[in-house]
Amino acid sequence: MGLLGSSNKRSRDAAAVITGAGSGIGAAFATELARRGGRIVCSDIDENAARTTADAIIGGGGSALPVRCDVTRIDDVQRMATEAQAWFSGPPTLVINNAGVAAGGTPIGEASLDDWSWVLDINLWGPINGCHVFTPILREAGYSGQLGGIINVASAAAFGAAPGMAAYNVSKAGVLSLSETLAAELSGTGVAVTVLCPTFVKTSIVESGRITEQSTQLADRLMRWTGFSPDKVARMCLDTHDRGGLYCMPQLDARFGWHIKRYAPAIYTRAVGLTTRVTNPSH
């Protein structure tokens, strides 16, 4: 703690590992952390996309390493951790489990089990694998006096209960619970945890997901009207992490929904269901 009460900022000069860094929020995290003086391992299942992000950082005078990683494969995540530590010549100071996909538009019982598996493998098992591999590394470094951090990217869908989005909702609710549990376990270790829960962000996740055409059109409209840019979301999340905040909900509608859901869950859930029936009768 400094003379003016400011704490050390984990996002400054970070040795950061980011999954899903090839586009969207992941690329925005990578760019912003590089701007803050960090060295970035840009990981993505699409190696060319990871390289594009890394090349942009290097071209701007920063330091970045592209790494291909399928977050659903624990061997890939362990290999990435080994490569990162070799490149950093030590442990990372910040890990961002960001890789994710979207699916929706079909109610429970009609959504395919293949879609359930696909979403949960990436959105939930990806962060689980990342935390499983990197938490011991960061914990050990924290006990040695090095501040560290983990940011898990969830969504307001974690508590939003939107009909037709069950697999996505469940995956993000799992990430929220994972993050809360991890924060409790890491109390006093010097490792901070933040979970990011935005509503709409202007990325290509809808176009690359498994979403019905009607739901895709609705999501596109909402993203255009209310969505934040990935750059803004990344900045806000890193600033929240620097302040030691567990929850980052960049948009007002996410914060409003979070509080209503906590204080009046039954009323909230009924209202969401009725609203969806009015706006989307197919549900």
Protein backbone atom coordinates (compact mmCIF):
# COMPACT_ATOMS: atom_id res chain seq x y z
CA MET A 1 0.00 0.00 0.00
CA GLY A 2 1.45 3.32 -1.06
CA LEU A 3 1.34 6.70 0.67
CA LEU A 4 -1.88 7.63 -1.10
CA GLY A 5 -3.51 4.29 -0.46
CA SER A 6 -3.03 2.90 -3.96
CA SER A 7 -2.30 -0.81 -4.20
CA ASN A 8 0.15 -2.52 -6.52
CA LYS A 9 -1.43 -2.92 -9.91
CA ARG A 10 -1.26 -6.46 -11.24
CA SER A 11 -2.09 -5.30 -14.76
CA ARG A 12 1.09 -3.19 -14.98
CA ASP A 13 4.17 -4.88 -16.46
CA ALA A 14 2.41 -8.24 -16.25
CA ALA A 15 3.71 -11.56 -17.47
CA ALA A 16 0.33 -12.59 -18.84
CA VAL A 17 -1.13 -15.72 -20.39
CA ILE A 18 -4.39 -15.24 -22.28
CA THR A 19 -6.54 -17.94 -23.88
CA GLY A 20 -8.74 -17.10 -26.83
CA ALA A 21 -6.40 -14.20 -27.60
CA GLY A 22 -6.88 -14.43 -31.35
CA SER A 23 -9.94 -12.17 -31.42
CA GLY A 24 -12.59 -10.34 -29.42
CA ILE A 25 -12.14 -9.78 -25.70
CA GLY A 26 -9.02 -11.96 -25.60
CA ALA A 27 -7.25 -9.86 -28.23
CA ALA A 28 -8.38 -6.70 -26.43
CA PHE A 29 -6.92 -7.99 -23.14
CA ALA A 30 -3.64 -8.77 -24.91
CA THR A 31 -3.42 -5.35 -26.55
CA GLU A 32 -4.30 -3.46 -23.37
CA LEU A 33 -1.88 -5.43 -21.21
CA ALA A 34 0.90 -4.83 -23.75
CA ARG A 35 0.04 -1.12 -23.61
CA ARG A 36 0.49 -1.33 -19.84
CA GLY A 37 4.00 -2.71 -20.31
CA GLY A 38 3.24 -6.42 -20.17
CA ARG A 39 4.70 -9.42 -21.93
CA ILE A 40 1.91 -11.52 -23.38
CA VAL A 41 1.49 -15.17 -24.27
CA CYS A 42 -1.28 -15.03 -26.88
CA SER A 43 -2.96 -18.42 -26.93
CA ASP A 44 -5.71 -19.57 -29.27
CA ILE A 45 -6.89 -22.80 -30.87
CA ASP A 46 -6.40 -20.94 -34.17
CA GLU A 47 -2.63 -20.51 -34.33
CA ASN A 48 -2.86 -17.96 -37.16
CA ALA A 49 -5.23 -15.82 -35.11
CA ALA A 50 -2.91 -16.01 -32.10
CA ARG A 51 -0.01 -14.99 -34.33
CA THR A 52 -1.97 -12.04 -35.74
CA THR A 53 -2.56 -10.66 -32.24
CA ALA A 54 1.04 -11.27 -31.21
CA ASP A 55 2.40 -9.69 -34.40
CA ALA A 56 0.28 -6.58 -33.82
CA ILE A 57 1.70 -6.24 -30.31
CA ILE A 58 5.27 -6.79 -31.51
CA GLY A 59 4.72 -4.32 -34.35
CA GLY A 60 3.70 -1.73 -31.77
CA GLY A 61 6.91 -2.24 -29.83
CA GLY A 62 5.58 -4.76 -27.33
CA SER A 63 6.52 -8.32 -26.44
CA ALA A 64 4.30 -11.29 -27.30
CA LEU A 65 4.49 -15.01 -27.99
CA PRO A 66 1.82 -16.83 -30.03
CA VAL A 67 0.93 -20.32 -28.78
CA ARG A 68 -1.61 -22.77 -30.14
CA CYS A 69 -3.73 -24.25 -27.35
CA ASP A 70 -6.96 -26.21 -27.27
CA VAL A 71 -8.23 -25.39 -23.78
CA THR A 72 -10.37 -28.54 -23.68
CA ARG A 73 -7.17 -30.64 -23.70
CA ILE A 74 -5.31 -30.63 -20.40
CA ASP A 75 -2.08 -31.66 -22.14
CA ASP A 76 -2.28 -28.55 -24.31
CA VAL A 77 -2.79 -26.31 -21.29
CA GLN A 78 0.11 -27.91 -19.43
CA ARG A 79 2.33 -27.50 -22.48
CA MET A 80 1.31 -23.84 -22.75
CA ALA A 81 2.23 -23.32 -19.08
CA THR A 82 5.65 -24.85 -19.69
CA GLU A 83 6.26 -22.68 -22.77
CA ALA A 84 5.09 -19.57 -20.95
CA GLN A 85 7.36 -20.12 -17.95
CA ALA A 86 10.33 -20.77 -20.23
CA TRP A 87 9.62 -17.58 -22.20
CA PHE A 88 9.03 -15.49 -19.06
CA SER A 89 12.01 -17.10 -17.30
CA GLY A 90 9.68 -17.57 -14.36
CA PRO A 91 6.02 -17.90 -13.47
CA PRO A 92 3.32 -15.75 -15.08
CA THR A 93 1.81 -13.02 -12.94
CA LEU A 94 -1.60 -12.94 -14.64
CA VAL A 95 -3.66 -15.67 -16.29
CA ILE A 96 -6.84 -14.84 -18.23
CA ASN A 97 -9.11 -17.77 -19.03
CA ASN A 98 -11.06 -16.17 -21.85
CA ALA A 99 -11.60 -18.74 -24.62
CA GLY A 100 -15.30 -19.31 -25.20
CA VAL A 101 -18.08 -20.06 -27.66
CA ALA A 102 -21.78 -19.27 -27.93
CA ALA A 103 -24.81 -21.48 -28.47
CA GLY A 104 -28.51 -20.88 -28.09
CA GLY A 105 -31.96 -20.43 -29.50
CA THR A 106 -33.28 -23.89 -28.60
CA PRO A 107 -35.02 -24.91 -25.35
CA ILE A 108 -33.95 -27.69 -23.00
CA GLY A 109 -35.00 -31.05 -24.39
CA GLU A 110 -34.62 -29.86 -27.97
CA ALA A 111 -31.03 -28.58 -27.86
CA SER A 112 -28.73 -31.38 -28.94
CA LEU A 113 -26.51 -33.10 -26.39
CA ASP A 114 -23.66 -32.55 -28.83
CA ASP A 115 -24.15 -28.80 -28.47
CA TRP A 116 -24.23 -29.17 -24.68
CA SER A 117 -20.93 -31.06 -24.73
CA TRP A 118 -19.31 -28.61 -27.14
CA VAL A 119 -20.23 -25.56 -25.05
CA LEU A 120 -19.38 -27.08 -21.67
CA ASP A 121 -16.06 -28.49 -22.93
CA ILE A 122 -14.84 -25.07 -24.04
CA ASN A 123 -16.63 -22.58 -21.78
CA LEU A 124 -16.42 -24.50 -18.51
CA TRP A 125 -13.69 -27.11 -18.86
CA GLY A 126 -11.41 -24.52 -20.49
CA PRO A 127 -11.34 -22.33 -17.35
CA ILE A 128 -11.26 -25.43 -15.13
CA ASN A 129 -8.18 -26.69 -16.98
CA GLY A 130 -6.58 -23.25 -16.87
CA CYS A 131 -7.17 -22.88 -13.14
CA HIS A 132 -6.07 -26.46 -12.47
CA VAL A 133 -2.73 -25.91 -14.20
CA PHE A 134 -1.92 -22.31 -13.30
CA THR A 135 -3.31 -21.93 -9.77
CA PRO A 136 -0.53 -23.97 -8.10
CA ILE A 137 2.08 -22.00 -10.06
CA LEU A 138 0.62 -18.64 -9.05
CA ARG A 139 -0.02 -19.74 -5.45
CA GLU A 140 3.58 -20.80 -4.99
CA ALA A 141 4.82 -17.52 -6.48
CA GLY A 142 2.39 -15.59 -4.26
CA TYR A 143 3.71 -17.19 -1.12
CA SER A 144 7.16 -16.13 -2.30
CA GLY A 145 6.04 -12.50 -2.40
CA GLN A 146 5.05 -12.11 -6.07
CA LEU A 147 1.58 -10.67 -6.62
CA GLY A 148 -0.47 -12.67 -9.11
CA GLY A 149 -3.92 -12.79 -10.57
CA ILE A 150 -6.47 -14.89 -12.42
CA ILE A 151 -9.29 -13.45 -14.51
CA ASN A 152 -12.02 -15.82 -15.65
CA VAL A 153 -14.34 -14.60 -18.39
CA ALA A 154 -17.92 -15.55 -17.63
CA SER A 155 -21.01 -13.57 -18.68
CA ALA A 156 -24.15 -12.00 -17.28
CA ALA A 157 -25.69 -15.21 -18.64
CA ALA A 158 -24.22 -16.84 -15.52
CA PHE A 159 -27.15 -15.46 -13.56
CA GLY A 160 -29.43 -14.19 -16.34
CA ALA A 161 -31.44 -17.40 -16.88
CA ALA A 162 -32.43 -16.41 -20.43
CA PRO A 163 -34.64 -19.14 -21.98
CA GLY A 164 -33.18 -20.93 -24.97
CA MET A 165 -29.62 -20.41 -23.72
CA ALA A 166 -29.32 -23.26 -21.21
CA ALA A 167 -25.96 -24.71 -22.24
CA TYR A 168 -24.36 -21.28 -22.41
CA ASN A 169 -25.99 -20.17 -19.14
CA VAL A 170 -24.88 -23.31 -17.32
CA SER A 171 -21.32 -23.03 -18.62
CA LYS A 172 -20.99 -19.42 -17.48
CA ALA A 173 -22.68 -20.09 -14.12
CA GLY A 174 -20.03 -22.73 -13.59
CA VAL A 175 -17.27 -20.23 -14.34
CA LEU A 176 -18.81 -17.79 -11.86
CA SER A 177 -18.91 -20.45 -9.13
CA LEU A 178 -15.40 -21.61 -10.01
CA SER A 179 -14.12 -18.06 -9.63
CA GLU A 180 -15.86 -17.45 -6.31
CA THR A 181 -14.51 -20.72 -4.90
CA LEU A 182 -11.03 -20.01 -6.20
CA ALA A 183 -11.07 -16.52 -4.66
CA ALA A 184 -11.92 -18.06 -1.28
CA GLU A 185 -9.18 -20.67 -1.60
CA LEU A 186 -6.57 -18.08 -2.59
CA SER A 187 -7.35 -15.62 0.20
CA GLY A 188 -4.10 -14.50 1.81
CA THR A 189 -1.84 -15.92 -0.89
CA GLY A 190 -1.20 -12.73 -2.85
CA VAL A 191 -3.19 -14.08 -5.81
CA ALA A 192 -6.35 -12.15 -6.71
CA VAL A 193 -9.32 -13.47 -8.69
CA THR A 194 -11.75 -11.51 -10.85
CA VAL A 195 -14.68 -12.89 -12.83
CA LEU A 196 -15.87 -10.86 -15.81
CA CYS A 197 -19.65 -10.86 -16.38
CA PRO A 198 -20.58 -8.57 -19.29
CA THR A 199 -23.84 -8.50 -21.20
CA PHE A 200 -23.34 -7.71 -24.88
CA VAL A 201 -19.85 -7.11 -26.28
CA LYS A 202 -19.20 -6.29 -29.93
CA THR A 203 -17.34 -9.46 -30.95
CA SER A 204 -17.80 -12.22 -33.52
CA ILE A 205 -18.78 -14.87 -30.94
CA VAL A 206 -22.34 -15.07 -32.27
CA GLU A 207 -21.27 -15.62 -35.86
CA SER A 208 -18.88 -18.40 -34.86
CA GLY A 209 -21.27 -20.09 -32.43
CA ARG A 210 -24.09 -22.61 -32.72
CA ILE A 211 -27.07 -20.28 -32.56
CA THR A 212 -30.38 -20.33 -34.39
CA GLU A 213 -30.85 -17.73 -37.10
CA GLN A 214 -33.59 -15.90 -35.18
CA SER A 215 -31.49 -15.69 -32.01
CA THR A 216 -28.45 -14.59 -34.02
CA GLN A 217 -30.40 -11.70 -35.52
CA LEU A 218 -31.66 -10.63 -32.09
CA ALA A 219 -28.17 -10.85 -30.57
CA ASP A 220 -26.71 -8.86 -33.45
CA ARG A 221 -29.24 -6.08 -32.91
CA LEU A 222 -28.62 -5.98 -29.16
CA MET A 223 -24.86 -5.91 -29.69
CA ARG A 224 -25.17 -2.98 -32.07
CA TRP A 225 -27.54 -1.06 -29.79
CA THR A 226 -26.18 -1.79 -26.33
CA GLY A 227 -22.87 -3.60 -26.74
CA PHE A 228 -19.59 -2.29 -25.39
CA SER A 229 -16.40 -2.56 -27.41
CA PRO A 230 -13.99 -5.36 -26.38
CA ASP A 231 -11.35 -2.71 -25.67
CA LYS A 232 -13.59 -0.93 -23.16
CA VAL A 233 -14.54 -4.20 -21.45
CA ALA A 234 -10.89 -5.28 -21.17
CA ARG A 235 -9.85 -1.93 -19.68
CA MET A 236 -12.68 -1.95 -17.15
CA CYS A 237 -11.95 -5.53 -16.12
CA LEU A 238 -8.23 -4.93 -15.65
CA ASP A 239 -8.95 -1.83 -13.60
CA THR A 240 -11.39 -3.83 -11.45
CA HIS A 241 -8.74 -6.51 -11.01
CA ASP A 242 -6.20 -3.89 -9.95
CA ARG A 243 -8.64 -2.70 -7.27
CA GLY A 244 -9.02 -6.26 -5.99
CA GLY A 245 -12.61 -6.63 -7.18
CA LEU A 246 -14.02 -10.15 -7.47
CA TYR A 247 -16.86 -9.21 -9.81
CA CYS A 248 -16.59 -7.06 -12.93
CA MET A 249 -19.93 -6.24 -14.55
CA PRO A 250 -19.12 -3.50 -17.04
CA GLN A 251 -22.67 -2.64 -18.10
CA LEU A 252 -25.45 -1.16 -16.00
CA ASP A 253 -27.96 -3.78 -17.14
CA ALA A 254 -25.69 -6.56 -15.85
CA ARG A 255 -25.35 -4.90 -12.44
CA PHE A 256 -29.09 -4.23 -12.26
CA GLY A 257 -29.95 -7.82 -13.17
CA TRP A 258 -27.42 -9.15 -10.66
CA HIS A 259 -28.97 -7.23 -7.77
CA ILE A 260 -32.57 -8.02 -8.70
CA LYS A 261 -31.73 -11.72 -9.09
CA ARG A 262 -30.08 -11.81 -5.65
CA TYR A 263 -32.86 -10.01 -3.78
CA ALA A 264 -35.93 -11.37 -5.62
CA PRO A 265 -34.87 -14.49 -7.55
CA ALA A 266 -38.34 -15.97 -8.12
CA ILE A 267 -39.79 -12.69 -9.37
CA TYR A 268 -36.75 -12.12 -11.57
CA THR A 269 -36.96 -15.57 -13.16
CA ARG A 270 -40.68 -15.30 -13.88
CA ALA A 271 -40.19 -11.85 -15.39
CA VAL A 272 -37.41 -13.10 -17.67
CA GLY A 273 -39.60 -15.96 -18.87
CA LEU A 274 -42.63 -13.77 -19.54
CA THR A 275 -40.53 -11.12 -21.30
CA THR A 276 -38.99 -13.76 -23.56
CA ARG A 277 -42.41 -15.15 -24.51
CA VAL A 278 -43.54 -11.68 -25.53
CA THR A 279 -40.41 -10.81 -27.53
CA ASN A 280 -39.80 -14.30 -28.93
CA PRO A 281 -43.00 -16.39 -29.03
CA SER A 282 -41.11 -19.49 -30.27
CA HIS A 283 -39.83 -19.91 -26.70
